[in-house]
N, C-alpha and C. Protein backbone atom coordinates (compact mmCIF):
# COMPACT_ATOMS: atom_id res chain seq x y z
N MET A 1 64.25 -96.08 197.82
CA MET A 1 63.65 -96.53 196.75
C MET A 1 62.58 -97.23 198.20
N ARG A 2 61.50 -97.65 197.36
CA ARG A 2 60.70 -97.47 198.53
C ARG A 2 60.27 -99.71 198.63
N SER A 3 60.68 -100.08 199.69
CA SER A 3 60.28 -101.62 200.44
C SER A 3 59.81 -102.12 199.56
N GLY A 4 59.82 -103.14 199.65
CA GLY A 4 59.83 -104.80 198.82
C GLY A 4 59.73 -104.50 197.62
N PRO A 5 59.58 -105.75 196.77
CA PRO A 5 59.87 -106.04 195.12
C PRO A 5 59.82 -104.45 193.60
N ILE A 6 60.32 -103.75 193.70
CA ILE A 6 60.82 -102.81 192.74
C ILE A 6 59.58 -103.05 191.37
N ASP A 7 58.09 -102.71 191.01
CA ASP A 7 57.41 -103.11 190.26
C ASP A 7 57.03 -102.44 188.96
N LEU A 8 57.67 -100.70 189.24
CA LEU A 8 57.28 -99.88 189.12
C LEU A 8 59.08 -99.00 189.11
N VAL A 9 59.24 -98.22 187.88
CA VAL A 9 59.46 -97.64 188.36
C VAL A 9 59.92 -95.77 187.11
N THR A 10 60.44 -94.10 187.96
CA THR A 10 59.37 -92.91 186.79
C THR A 10 61.65 -93.00 186.91
N VAL A 11 60.77 -92.64 185.51
CA VAL A 11 61.88 -91.72 184.40
C VAL A 11 62.21 -90.13 184.43
N SER A 12 62.67 -89.31 185.66
CA SER A 12 62.76 -87.71 185.42
C SER A 12 63.66 -87.92 184.57
N ARG A 13 63.87 -86.88 183.15
CA ARG A 13 64.73 -86.23 182.15
C ARG A 13 65.48 -84.99 181.83
N GLU A 14 66.15 -84.14 182.06
CA GLU A 14 67.04 -83.07 181.62
C GLU A 14 66.56 -83.23 179.77
N TYR A 15 66.48 -82.29 179.68
CA TYR A 15 66.37 -82.49 177.91
C TYR A 15 67.15 -82.41 176.93
N GLY A 16 67.16 -84.28 176.61
CA GLY A 16 68.09 -83.90 176.18
C GLY A 16 69.17 -85.00 176.83
N ALA A 17 68.83 -85.65 177.99
CA ALA A 17 69.88 -85.67 178.92
C ALA A 17 69.13 -87.43 178.70
N GLY A 18 68.72 -88.17 177.19
CA GLY A 18 68.97 -89.32 177.15
C GLY A 18 67.51 -90.05 178.06
N GLY A 19 66.81 -89.70 178.41
CA GLY A 19 65.59 -90.59 178.86
C GLY A 19 64.33 -90.99 178.26
N SER A 20 63.98 -91.21 176.97
CA SER A 20 63.52 -91.61 176.25
C SER A 20 64.51 -93.18 175.84
N GLU A 21 65.19 -92.94 175.34
CA GLU A 21 66.57 -94.25 175.38
C GLU A 21 66.82 -94.35 176.97
N PHE A 22 67.18 -94.21 177.30
CA PHE A 22 67.64 -95.20 179.07
C PHE A 22 66.44 -95.50 179.56
N ALA A 23 65.18 -95.14 179.40
CA ALA A 23 64.03 -95.76 179.34
C ALA A 23 63.52 -96.83 178.60
N GLN A 24 63.46 -97.07 177.35
CA GLN A 24 63.97 -97.92 176.08
C GLN A 24 64.76 -99.71 176.50
N LYS A 25 65.78 -98.56 176.85
CA LYS A 25 67.30 -99.47 176.67
C LYS A 25 65.62 -100.69 178.53
N LEU A 26 65.82 -99.76 179.02
CA LEU A 26 65.84 -100.42 181.11
C LEU A 26 65.21 -101.49 180.05
N GLY A 27 63.68 -100.89 180.28
CA GLY A 27 62.06 -101.69 179.46
C GLY A 27 63.14 -103.39 179.24
N ALA A 28 63.79 -103.64 178.26
CA ALA A 28 64.14 -104.45 177.11
C ALA A 28 65.09 -104.69 177.47
N LEU A 29 65.97 -104.76 179.15
CA LEU A 29 66.71 -105.48 180.25
C LEU A 29 65.58 -106.59 180.73
N LEU A 30 64.34 -105.90 181.00
CA LEU A 30 63.64 -106.59 182.11
C LEU A 30 62.18 -106.64 181.41
N GLY A 31 62.04 -106.86 180.33
CA GLY A 31 61.22 -107.51 179.78
C GLY A 31 59.88 -106.44 179.63
N TRP A 32 60.68 -105.78 180.65
CA TRP A 32 58.94 -104.83 181.12
C TRP A 32 58.42 -102.93 179.48
N PRO A 33 57.53 -103.21 179.65
CA PRO A 33 56.63 -102.16 178.77
C PRO A 33 57.23 -100.35 179.35
N VAL A 34 56.72 -100.12 178.61
CA VAL A 34 58.02 -98.65 179.02
C VAL A 34 56.77 -98.00 178.45
N LEU A 35 55.96 -96.87 178.88
CA LEU A 35 54.73 -95.55 178.75
C LEU A 35 56.04 -93.95 178.79
N ASP A 36 55.69 -93.76 178.03
CA ASP A 36 56.65 -93.02 177.02
C ASP A 36 55.94 -92.29 176.34
N HIS A 37 55.99 -92.73 174.81
CA HIS A 37 54.93 -91.52 173.48
C HIS A 37 53.95 -92.25 173.95
N ASP A 38 53.30 -93.19 174.14
CA ASP A 38 52.05 -93.43 173.60
C ASP A 38 51.42 -93.06 174.01
N ILE A 39 51.42 -91.94 176.13
CA ILE A 39 50.78 -90.75 176.65
C ILE A 39 50.09 -90.16 175.84
N VAL A 40 51.38 -89.78 174.58
CA VAL A 40 50.41 -88.64 173.45
C VAL A 40 48.95 -88.95 173.07
N HIS A 41 48.79 -90.55 171.98
CA HIS A 41 47.23 -91.29 171.59
C HIS A 41 46.85 -91.28 173.22
N ARG A 42 47.05 -92.20 173.90
CA ARG A 42 46.59 -92.10 174.86
C ARG A 42 45.12 -91.14 175.27
N VAL A 43 45.87 -90.13 175.42
CA VAL A 43 45.23 -88.81 176.11
C VAL A 43 44.07 -88.66 175.32
N ALA A 44 44.75 -88.45 173.86
CA ALA A 44 43.97 -88.39 173.02
C ALA A 44 42.51 -89.17 172.74
N GLU A 45 42.88 -90.34 172.83
CA GLU A 45 41.56 -90.92 172.87
C GLU A 45 41.07 -91.29 174.02
N ARG A 46 40.98 -90.09 175.24
CA ARG A 46 39.88 -90.03 175.73
C ARG A 46 40.02 -89.04 175.76
N LEU A 47 40.59 -87.68 175.80
CA LEU A 47 39.62 -86.44 175.49
C LEU A 47 39.39 -85.93 173.67
N ALA A 48 38.97 -87.04 173.21
CA ALA A 48 38.79 -86.80 171.80
C ALA A 48 39.19 -86.11 170.76
N LEU A 49 40.20 -85.91 170.53
CA LEU A 49 41.31 -84.79 169.85
C LEU A 49 42.24 -85.59 168.94
N ASP A 50 43.59 -84.99 168.09
CA ASP A 50 44.10 -84.86 167.79
C ASP A 50 44.81 -85.46 168.66
N ASP A 51 46.15 -86.42 167.66
CA ASP A 51 47.23 -87.13 168.66
C ASP A 51 48.19 -85.38 168.76
N ALA A 52 47.88 -84.36 167.22
CA ALA A 52 49.02 -83.57 167.29
C ALA A 52 48.51 -82.51 167.80
N VAL A 53 47.27 -82.16 168.70
CA VAL A 53 47.51 -81.30 169.43
C VAL A 53 47.50 -81.33 171.06
N VAL A 54 47.47 -83.26 171.35
CA VAL A 54 47.93 -83.67 172.72
C VAL A 54 49.78 -82.85 172.47
N GLU A 55 49.74 -84.16 171.45
CA GLU A 55 51.68 -83.09 171.84
C GLU A 55 52.52 -82.19 171.44
N ARG A 56 51.37 -81.07 171.48
CA ARG A 56 51.86 -79.80 171.12
C ARG A 56 51.49 -79.40 173.03
N LEU A 57 51.52 -80.15 173.33
CA LEU A 57 49.67 -79.56 175.25
C LEU A 57 50.70 -79.84 175.93
N ASP A 58 51.18 -81.34 175.71
CA ASP A 58 51.77 -82.10 176.71
C ASP A 58 52.92 -81.81 177.32
N GLU A 59 53.45 -81.70 178.77
CA GLU A 59 54.20 -82.26 179.65
C GLU A 59 54.18 -80.58 179.22
N HIS A 60 53.87 -79.42 178.20
CA HIS A 60 53.63 -78.19 178.98
C HIS A 60 52.21 -77.03 180.21
N PRO A 61 53.24 -76.12 180.77
CA PRO A 61 52.43 -75.11 181.18
C PRO A 61 51.44 -74.34 180.39
N PRO A 62 50.25 -73.81 180.56
CA PRO A 62 50.05 -72.49 180.23
C PRO A 62 50.99 -71.70 180.44
N THR A 63 51.34 -70.90 178.95
CA THR A 63 52.18 -69.43 179.32
C THR A 63 51.76 -68.23 179.64
N ARG A 64 52.44 -67.67 180.35
CA ARG A 64 52.78 -66.85 182.04
C ARG A 64 51.12 -65.97 181.10
N LEU A 65 51.67 -65.99 179.95
CA LEU A 65 50.69 -64.76 178.93
C LEU A 65 49.01 -65.44 179.23
N ALA A 66 48.83 -66.98 178.98
CA ALA A 66 47.63 -67.27 178.68
C ALA A 66 47.51 -67.73 180.42
N GLU A 67 47.32 -68.03 181.23
CA GLU A 67 47.52 -68.19 182.66
C GLU A 67 47.07 -66.32 182.41
N LEU A 68 47.66 -65.26 182.98
CA LEU A 68 47.16 -63.88 182.82
C LEU A 68 45.69 -63.15 182.57
N ALA A 69 45.22 -63.62 181.26
CA ALA A 69 44.63 -64.00 179.70
C ALA A 69 43.62 -64.11 180.58
N GLY A 70 43.54 -65.60 181.63
CA GLY A 70 42.39 -67.10 181.60
C GLY A 70 41.94 -65.71 182.83
N MET A 71 42.68 -65.97 183.55
CA MET A 71 42.02 -64.58 184.88
C MET A 71 41.44 -63.63 184.91
N LEU A 72 42.15 -62.81 183.56
CA LEU A 72 41.36 -61.10 183.39
C LEU A 72 40.35 -62.18 181.60
N LEU A 73 39.87 -63.36 181.42
CA LEU A 73 39.17 -63.45 180.51
C LEU A 73 38.99 -62.42 179.46
N VAL A 74 40.51 -62.87 178.77
CA VAL A 74 40.41 -61.72 177.99
C VAL A 74 41.44 -63.11 176.15
N THR A 75 41.48 -63.33 175.34
CA THR A 75 41.98 -63.42 174.38
C THR A 75 44.12 -62.84 174.77
N PRO A 76 44.64 -63.75 175.03
CA PRO A 76 46.12 -63.10 174.27
C PRO A 76 46.05 -62.89 172.84
N PRO A 77 47.51 -61.63 172.74
CA PRO A 77 46.89 -61.03 171.63
C PRO A 77 47.56 -61.81 170.46
N GLU A 78 48.78 -62.39 171.09
CA GLU A 78 49.20 -63.90 169.86
C GLU A 78 47.94 -64.70 169.26
N SER A 79 47.39 -64.88 169.83
CA SER A 79 45.93 -65.90 169.45
C SER A 79 45.55 -65.54 168.13
N SER A 80 45.59 -64.14 167.30
CA SER A 80 45.54 -64.32 165.52
C SER A 80 45.86 -64.56 165.28
N THR A 81 47.25 -65.53 165.70
CA THR A 81 48.79 -65.58 164.41
C THR A 81 48.64 -66.69 164.93
N ALA A 82 48.19 -67.37 165.78
CA ALA A 82 48.39 -68.77 166.24
C ALA A 82 47.67 -69.23 167.08
N PHE A 83 47.89 -70.71 166.68
CA PHE A 83 47.04 -71.72 168.04
C PHE A 83 47.23 -70.99 169.50
N THR A 84 46.44 -70.80 171.09
CA THR A 84 46.92 -70.42 171.97
C THR A 84 46.19 -71.44 172.57
N PRO A 85 46.39 -72.26 173.01
CA PRO A 85 45.89 -73.60 174.21
C PRO A 85 44.72 -72.30 175.34
N SER A 86 43.92 -71.86 175.41
CA SER A 86 43.79 -72.47 177.14
C SER A 86 44.23 -73.14 177.51
N PRO A 87 44.20 -72.44 179.15
CA PRO A 87 45.16 -72.80 180.85
C PRO A 87 43.57 -74.12 181.05
N LEU A 88 42.39 -73.88 180.58
CA LEU A 88 41.49 -75.22 180.48
C LEU A 88 41.87 -76.70 180.33
N LEU A 89 41.71 -76.09 178.83
CA LEU A 89 42.19 -77.44 177.96
C LEU A 89 43.66 -78.28 178.85
N GLN A 90 44.78 -76.83 178.99
CA GLN A 90 46.14 -77.32 179.38
C GLN A 90 46.44 -78.44 180.22
N ASP A 91 45.16 -78.45 180.88
CA ASP A 91 44.62 -78.27 182.57
C ASP A 91 44.58 -79.70 182.40
N ARG A 92 43.45 -79.52 181.25
CA ARG A 92 42.19 -81.28 180.96
C ARG A 92 43.67 -81.99 180.43
N VAL A 93 44.41 -81.79 179.81
CA VAL A 93 45.61 -82.98 179.09
C VAL A 93 46.22 -83.52 180.13
N ALA A 94 45.69 -82.46 181.09
CA ALA A 94 47.59 -82.45 182.41
C ALA A 94 47.53 -84.00 183.65
N ALA A 95 45.58 -83.37 183.26
CA ALA A 95 44.24 -84.66 184.15
C ALA A 95 44.43 -85.62 184.01
N ALA A 96 44.42 -86.09 182.52
CA ALA A 96 43.88 -87.04 181.60
C ALA A 96 46.08 -87.66 181.40
N ALA A 97 46.60 -86.92 181.24
CA ALA A 97 47.79 -87.90 181.19
C ALA A 97 48.30 -88.51 183.06
N GLN A 98 47.65 -87.76 183.47
CA GLN A 98 47.55 -88.64 184.74
C GLN A 98 46.73 -89.72 184.73
N ALA A 99 45.32 -89.27 184.97
CA ALA A 99 44.62 -90.37 184.89
C ALA A 99 44.94 -91.89 183.81
N VAL A 100 45.74 -91.71 182.91
CA VAL A 100 46.02 -92.98 181.31
C VAL A 100 47.50 -94.03 182.56
N ILE A 101 48.31 -92.74 183.21
CA ILE A 101 49.62 -93.32 184.06
C ILE A 101 49.10 -94.41 185.24
N ARG A 102 48.13 -93.57 186.02
CA ARG A 102 48.09 -93.90 187.07
C ARG A 102 47.24 -95.11 186.71
N GLU A 103 46.48 -95.38 185.24
CA GLU A 103 45.84 -97.10 185.15
C GLU A 103 47.08 -97.94 184.59
N ALA A 104 47.19 -97.67 184.23
CA ALA A 104 48.53 -98.09 183.10
C ALA A 104 49.38 -98.67 184.77
N ALA A 105 49.84 -98.00 185.91
CA ALA A 105 50.17 -98.89 186.04
C ALA A 105 49.91 -100.04 187.34
N GLU A 106 48.27 -99.26 187.60
CA GLU A 106 47.55 -100.80 188.01
C GLU A 106 48.13 -102.42 187.88
N SER A 107 48.28 -102.38 186.25
CA SER A 107 48.67 -103.35 185.65
C SER A 107 50.48 -103.69 185.83
N PRO A 108 51.04 -103.22 186.63
CA PRO A 108 53.00 -103.71 186.69
C PRO A 108 53.64 -104.90 186.58
N PRO A 109 54.39 -105.17 186.49
CA PRO A 109 55.47 -103.75 185.55
C PRO A 109 55.40 -103.21 184.57
N LEU A 110 57.25 -101.86 185.29
CA LEU A 110 55.97 -100.53 184.05
C LEU A 110 57.59 -100.09 184.71
N VAL A 111 57.39 -99.36 183.32
CA VAL A 111 58.34 -98.09 182.95
C VAL A 111 57.76 -96.76 182.53
N VAL A 112 57.65 -95.77 183.37
CA VAL A 112 56.40 -94.50 183.15
C VAL A 112 58.49 -93.31 183.29
N VAL A 113 57.40 -92.52 182.00
CA VAL A 113 58.39 -90.75 181.14
C VAL A 113 58.73 -90.24 182.16
N GLY A 114 58.67 -89.22 182.55
CA GLY A 114 57.94 -88.42 182.53
C GLY A 114 57.02 -87.87 183.31
N HIS A 115 55.92 -86.64 183.28
CA HIS A 115 54.74 -86.03 183.64
C HIS A 115 55.07 -86.33 185.11
N GLY A 116 55.84 -86.32 185.12
CA GLY A 116 55.88 -85.74 187.03
C GLY A 116 56.14 -87.31 188.06
N ALA A 117 55.83 -88.58 187.14
CA ALA A 117 55.16 -90.07 187.02
C ALA A 117 56.05 -89.89 188.82
N GLN A 118 57.14 -89.38 188.95
CA GLN A 118 58.09 -88.83 190.05
C GLN A 118 57.36 -89.03 191.56
N CYS A 119 56.71 -88.47 191.06
CA CYS A 119 55.06 -87.02 192.03
C CYS A 119 53.95 -88.38 192.35
N LEU A 120 54.29 -88.59 191.07
CA LEU A 120 52.40 -89.01 191.61
C LEU A 120 52.43 -90.91 192.13
N PHE A 121 53.82 -91.65 192.33
CA PHE A 121 54.09 -93.24 192.69
C PHE A 121 54.76 -92.14 194.06
N ARG A 122 54.93 -90.82 194.33
CA ARG A 122 55.85 -90.96 195.71
C ARG A 122 55.70 -91.65 197.21
N ASP A 123 55.02 -92.10 197.41
CA ASP A 123 54.54 -92.17 198.31
C ASP A 123 54.03 -94.42 198.47
N ARG A 124 54.20 -95.07 197.28
CA ARG A 124 53.78 -96.11 196.18
C ARG A 124 54.94 -96.99 196.76
N PRO A 125 55.31 -97.98 197.81
CA PRO A 125 55.08 -98.90 197.43
C PRO A 125 56.30 -99.77 196.27
N GLY A 126 57.21 -100.16 196.66
CA GLY A 126 57.61 -100.68 194.84
C GLY A 126 57.67 -100.30 193.89
N THR A 127 58.61 -98.46 194.10
CA THR A 127 58.65 -98.28 193.35
C THR A 127 59.86 -97.61 193.00
N LEU A 128 61.42 -96.99 192.00
CA LEU A 128 62.23 -96.18 191.97
C LEU A 128 61.84 -95.13 191.25
N HIS A 129 62.36 -94.25 191.64
CA HIS A 129 62.75 -93.15 191.05
C HIS A 129 64.04 -92.91 190.20
N ILE A 130 63.91 -92.02 188.48
CA ILE A 130 65.16 -92.34 188.50
C ILE A 130 65.56 -90.76 187.26
N ARG A 131 66.02 -90.31 188.37
CA ARG A 131 65.90 -88.90 187.50
C ARG A 131 67.87 -88.48 186.21
N LEU A 132 67.58 -88.58 185.22
CA LEU A 132 68.58 -88.20 184.40
C LEU A 132 69.04 -86.80 183.66
N ILE A 133 69.76 -86.38 184.07
CA ILE A 133 71.02 -85.17 184.06
C ILE A 133 71.65 -85.19 183.66
N ALA A 134 72.37 -84.33 182.49
CA ALA A 134 74.13 -84.35 181.40
C ALA A 134 74.53 -82.83 181.63
N PRO A 135 75.42 -82.39 181.13
CA PRO A 135 75.38 -81.55 180.59
C PRO A 135 75.09 -80.28 180.21
N LEU A 136 74.38 -78.82 179.97
CA LEU A 136 73.87 -78.49 179.34
C LEU A 136 74.14 -78.08 177.92
N GLU A 137 76.27 -78.59 177.63
CA GLU A 137 76.67 -78.06 176.51
C GLU A 137 76.53 -79.78 175.63
N LEU A 138 76.70 -80.66 176.66
CA LEU A 138 76.12 -81.81 175.74
C LEU A 138 74.90 -81.88 175.50
N ARG A 139 73.80 -81.83 175.94
CA ARG A 139 72.84 -81.71 175.85
C ARG A 139 72.76 -81.15 174.43
N VAL A 140 73.08 -79.75 173.93
CA VAL A 140 72.96 -79.59 172.80
C VAL A 140 73.25 -80.74 171.54
N LYS A 141 74.80 -80.69 171.86
CA LYS A 141 74.95 -81.28 171.49
C LYS A 141 74.88 -82.38 170.47
N ARG A 142 73.90 -83.46 171.14
CA ARG A 142 72.59 -83.91 170.44
C ARG A 142 71.96 -83.65 170.37
N LEU A 143 71.50 -82.75 170.72
CA LEU A 143 70.44 -82.42 170.20
C LEU A 143 70.31 -81.83 168.86
N CYS A 144 71.82 -81.21 168.26
CA CYS A 144 71.99 -80.71 167.24
C CYS A 144 71.77 -81.99 166.99
N ALA A 145 72.72 -82.56 166.50
CA ALA A 145 72.76 -84.22 165.61
C ALA A 145 71.78 -84.36 165.34
N ARG A 146 70.24 -84.51 166.41
CA ARG A 146 69.21 -85.06 166.50
C ARG A 146 67.95 -84.54 165.28
N LEU A 147 68.99 -83.70 166.08
CA LEU A 147 67.02 -82.68 165.34
C LEU A 147 68.17 -82.12 163.70
N GLY A 148 69.13 -82.27 163.77
CA GLY A 148 69.22 -81.66 162.12
C GLY A 148 69.83 -79.93 162.63
N CYS A 149 69.63 -79.48 164.19
CA CYS A 149 69.31 -77.74 164.22
C CYS A 149 71.08 -77.18 164.30
N SER A 150 70.55 -75.94 164.52
CA SER A 150 71.66 -74.82 164.40
C SER A 150 71.53 -74.86 166.35
N ARG A 151 73.34 -74.85 166.72
CA ARG A 151 73.19 -75.05 168.72
C ARG A 151 72.43 -73.74 168.81
N THR A 152 72.58 -72.67 168.75
CA THR A 152 71.35 -71.53 169.17
C THR A 152 70.21 -72.28 169.18
N THR A 153 69.51 -73.37 168.12
CA THR A 153 68.22 -73.20 167.85
C THR A 153 68.34 -74.22 169.48
N ALA A 154 69.26 -75.49 169.28
CA ALA A 154 68.73 -76.48 170.02
C ALA A 154 68.85 -75.62 171.60
N LEU A 155 70.19 -75.41 171.59
CA LEU A 155 70.22 -74.41 172.83
C LEU A 155 68.68 -74.08 174.24
N ASN A 156 68.20 -73.14 172.24
CA ASN A 156 66.45 -72.19 173.30
C ASN A 156 66.24 -73.30 173.91
N GLN A 157 65.63 -74.51 172.60
CA GLN A 157 65.04 -75.31 173.15
C GLN A 157 64.58 -76.38 173.98
N ALA A 158 66.20 -76.54 174.07
CA ALA A 158 66.63 -77.46 175.97
C ALA A 158 66.74 -76.38 177.29
N ARG A 159 66.30 -74.56 176.40
CA ARG A 159 66.08 -74.88 177.85
C ARG A 159 64.45 -74.15 177.19
N ARG A 160 63.94 -74.02 177.07
CA ARG A 160 62.80 -73.87 176.93
C ARG A 160 62.08 -75.35 177.29
N MET A 161 62.57 -76.19 177.06
CA MET A 161 61.66 -77.98 177.41
C MET A 161 61.75 -77.83 179.57
N ASP A 162 63.19 -77.99 179.99
CA ASP A 162 63.30 -77.63 180.54
C ASP A 162 62.82 -76.67 181.99
N GLU A 163 62.11 -75.64 181.20
CA GLU A 163 61.64 -74.50 182.10
C GLU A 163 60.24 -74.88 181.76
N ASP A 164 59.12 -75.82 181.09
CA ASP A 164 57.94 -76.13 180.55
C ASP A 164 58.15 -77.17 181.41
N ARG A 165 59.28 -78.60 181.79
CA ARG A 165 58.59 -79.19 182.27
C ARG A 165 59.72 -79.49 184.47
N ASP A 166 59.61 -77.69 183.40
CA ASP A 166 60.04 -77.43 185.76
C ASP A 166 58.38 -77.45 186.11
N ARG A 167 58.20 -75.91 185.21
CA ARG A 167 56.68 -75.33 185.81
C ARG A 167 55.44 -76.63 185.68
N TYR A 168 55.86 -77.52 184.33
CA TYR A 168 54.16 -78.23 185.19
C TYR A 168 54.22 -79.06 185.83
N VAL A 169 55.11 -79.70 186.49
CA VAL A 169 55.35 -80.50 187.71
C VAL A 169 55.16 -79.42 189.18
N GLU A 170 55.82 -78.28 188.70
CA GLU A 170 54.72 -77.48 190.34
C GLU A 170 53.48 -77.27 189.92
N ARG A 171 52.71 -76.86 188.74
CA ARG A 171 52.02 -76.30 188.58
C ARG A 171 50.80 -77.42 188.93
N HIS A 172 51.51 -79.10 188.35
CA HIS A 172 50.24 -79.81 188.93
C HIS A 172 50.40 -81.09 189.94
N HIS A 173 51.67 -80.68 190.27
CA HIS A 173 52.19 -81.47 191.47
C HIS A 173 53.00 -80.99 193.02
N HIS A 174 52.99 -79.49 192.78
CA HIS A 174 53.69 -78.91 193.83
C HIS A 174 54.69 -79.25 194.02
N ARG A 175 55.65 -78.91 193.71
CA ARG A 175 56.75 -80.18 194.10
C ARG A 175 58.24 -79.66 192.63
N ASP A 176 59.51 -79.60 193.21
CA ASP A 176 60.65 -78.82 192.73
C ASP A 176 61.35 -80.39 191.24
N ARG A 177 60.34 -80.56 190.35
CA ARG A 177 61.16 -81.47 189.24
C ARG A 177 62.31 -81.47 189.96
N ARG A 178 63.70 -80.52 190.25
CA ARG A 178 65.22 -80.25 190.24
C ARG A 178 65.22 -80.92 191.49
N ASP A 179 64.95 -80.98 192.55
CA ASP A 179 65.30 -81.79 193.74
C ASP A 179 65.33 -82.80 194.18
N PRO A 180 66.38 -83.13 194.37
CA PRO A 180 66.91 -84.61 193.80
C PRO A 180 66.27 -86.09 195.10
N LEU A 181 65.61 -84.86 196.19
CA LEU A 181 65.92 -85.84 197.42
C LEU A 181 64.16 -86.03 196.04
N ASN A 182 63.81 -85.93 195.53
CA ASN A 182 63.10 -86.03 195.05
C ASN A 182 62.51 -87.50 194.10
N TYR A 183 64.23 -88.50 194.20
CA TYR A 183 65.05 -89.96 192.91
C TYR A 183 65.42 -90.18 194.23
N ASP A 184 65.87 -91.82 193.95
CA ASP A 184 66.32 -92.03 194.49
C ASP A 184 67.89 -92.91 194.07
N VAL A 185 67.80 -92.38 192.10
CA VAL A 185 69.20 -92.41 192.08
C VAL A 185 68.72 -91.47 191.07
N VAL A 186 70.67 -90.91 190.26
CA VAL A 186 70.28 -89.81 189.44
C VAL A 186 71.25 -90.06 189.18
N PHE A 187 71.83 -90.33 187.21
CA PHE A 187 72.08 -90.52 186.79
C PHE A 187 72.78 -89.30 186.03
N ASN A 188 73.87 -89.31 185.80
CA ASN A 188 74.50 -88.29 185.59
C ASN A 188 74.80 -88.36 183.63
N THR A 189 74.18 -88.35 182.48
CA THR A 189 74.43 -88.91 181.58
C THR A 189 75.43 -88.55 180.43
N GLY A 190 76.63 -87.96 181.21
CA GLY A 190 77.20 -86.63 180.72
C GLY A 190 79.03 -87.76 180.74
N ARG A 191 78.58 -88.60 182.44
CA ARG A 191 79.74 -89.73 182.63
C ARG A 191 80.05 -91.01 182.58
N THR A 192 78.23 -90.97 182.90
CA THR A 192 77.25 -93.30 182.39
C THR A 192 76.79 -93.12 181.82
N PRO A 193 77.34 -93.67 180.48
CA PRO A 193 77.12 -93.48 179.11
C PRO A 193 75.48 -94.95 179.49
N LEU A 194 74.02 -94.22 178.73
CA LEU A 194 73.28 -94.79 178.67
C LEU A 194 73.29 -96.38 178.70
N ASP A 195 73.37 -97.17 178.11
CA ASP A 195 73.25 -99.05 178.13
C ASP A 195 73.93 -99.31 180.24
N ASP A 196 75.17 -98.18 180.91
CA ASP A 196 75.82 -98.30 182.14
C ASP A 196 74.68 -98.23 182.43
N ALA A 197 73.65 -96.84 182.83
CA ALA A 197 72.44 -96.60 183.67
C ALA A 197 71.46 -97.26 184.13
N ALA A 198 71.11 -97.83 182.57
CA ALA A 198 69.99 -98.88 182.57
C ALA A 198 70.20 -100.30 183.10
N ALA A 199 71.48 -100.65 183.16
CA ALA A 199 72.40 -101.98 184.16
C ALA A 199 71.86 -101.65 185.34
N CYS A 200 73.22 -100.75 185.75
CA CYS A 200 72.46 -100.51 187.43
C CYS A 200 71.04 -100.44 186.99
N ALA A 201 70.90 -99.90 186.10
CA ALA A 201 69.02 -99.66 187.37
C ALA A 201 68.55 -101.14 187.71
N ALA A 202 68.60 -101.56 186.72
CA ALA A 202 68.54 -103.06 186.48
C ALA A 202 68.95 -104.22 187.30
N LEU A 203 70.31 -103.77 187.72
CA LEU A 203 71.03 -104.27 188.82
C LEU A 203 69.82 -104.28 190.21
N LEU A 204 69.52 -102.49 190.58
CA LEU A 204 68.53 -102.53 191.47
C LEU A 204 67.11 -102.78 191.38
N VAL A 205 66.42 -103.30 190.36
CA VAL A 205 65.52 -103.72 190.23
C VAL A 205 65.96 -105.04 190.60
N ARG A 206 66.85 -106.42 190.13
CA ARG A 206 66.49 -107.35 190.17
C ARG A 206 67.04 -107.56 191.43
N ALA A 207 67.90 -106.77 191.71
CA ALA A 207 68.14 -107.64 193.35
C ALA A 207 66.56 -106.95 194.58
N SER A 208 66.49 -106.14 193.86
CA SER A 208 65.20 -105.42 195.48
C SER A 208 64.15 -106.81 195.20
N ARG A 209 63.74 -107.92 194.08
CA ARG A 209 62.98 -108.57 193.72
C ARG A 209 63.62 -109.90 194.07
N GLU A 210 65.30 -109.99 194.53
CA GLU A 210 65.15 -111.75 194.93
C GLU A 210 65.81 -111.59 195.99
N ALA A 211 65.28 -111.02 196.91
CA ALA A 211 65.93 -110.31 198.32
C ALA A 211 64.87 -110.97 198.99
N PRO A 212 64.72 -111.89 199.76
CA PRO A 212 64.35 -112.69 200.61
C PRO A 212 63.25 -111.90 201.67
N VAL A 213 62.27 -112.40 201.58
CA VAL A 213 61.91 -111.24 202.53
C VAL A 213 61.85 -111.72 204.15
N SER A 214 61.87 -110.58 204.87
CA SER A 214 62.94 -111.13 205.85
C SER A 214 62.08 -111.22 206.63
N ALA A 215 62.36 -112.18 208.01
CA ALA A 215 60.84 -112.71 209.70
C ALA A 215 61.20 -111.46 210.33
N ALA A 216 59.70 -111.68 210.64
CA ALA A 216 59.46 -110.72 211.46
C ALA A 216 60.64 -110.76 212.64
N ALA A 217 60.51 -109.72 213.71
CA ALA A 217 61.55 -110.16 215.06
C ALA A 217 60.50 -110.73 215.36
N PRO A 218 61.10 -111.55 216.60
CA PRO A 218 60.09 -112.43 217.45
C PRO A 218 60.48 -111.40 218.73
N ALA A 219 59.19 -110.95 219.54
CA ALA A 219 58.79 -110.30 220.31
C ALA A 219 59.47 -110.37 222.13
N PRO A 220 60.11 -109.89 222.60
CA PRO A 220 60.51 -109.82 223.25
C PRO A 220 59.68 -110.13 224.34
N SER A 221 61.42 -111.21 225.47
CA SER A 221 60.05 -111.70 226.41
C SER A 221 60.19 -111.19 227.33
N THR A 222 58.84 -111.33 228.66
CA THR A 222 58.73 -111.11 229.10
C THR A 222 59.06 -111.71 230.39
N ALA A 223 59.47 -113.05 230.08
CA ALA A 223 60.47 -113.94 231.51
C ALA A 223 60.60 -112.97 232.74
């Protein structure tokens, strides 16, 4: 947690750990806006793309095949039967997402979900960086309930999304998303209910904003 009153919270999350729900609960407790799914729409407007296209690229790095094809200036073989975005387009989407988040953070307070925001604002005063994790099997159960899919589908989806988000942060911020030193607080939502986690985070924010500003220490006497 950076020095000074907290007016910005970033939320990193494992897929299925409840990041969006946590952010909404925290925003409601604090009366702060939450920047989450709306990032897709704002990026789409900025780049004059359809929301659906941006959604498919958001927080996803280029596939390794697409990266190789880009270096070799050839078309990935699967592109003949499916939409395969170029690394250039995916990097443009990522850059636009960073711009959207930075602009929104100019008018705090704000809660930001994902997109490597903990890296964007790692040196910003008054910022609290939070990470949500949970056991894989619990996340799979949550995803099955939410998506109505099989365990195998949910398991593959969780692993793929976590890998994509890890690679996304590595590609665009050159940091390890899983490194706990990126965060001030880590909540295991397998042990801590989302309501309790949000209440704890809100308490930290309020405490930072209510703490008196300490007076500067007097200069040592030279007498």
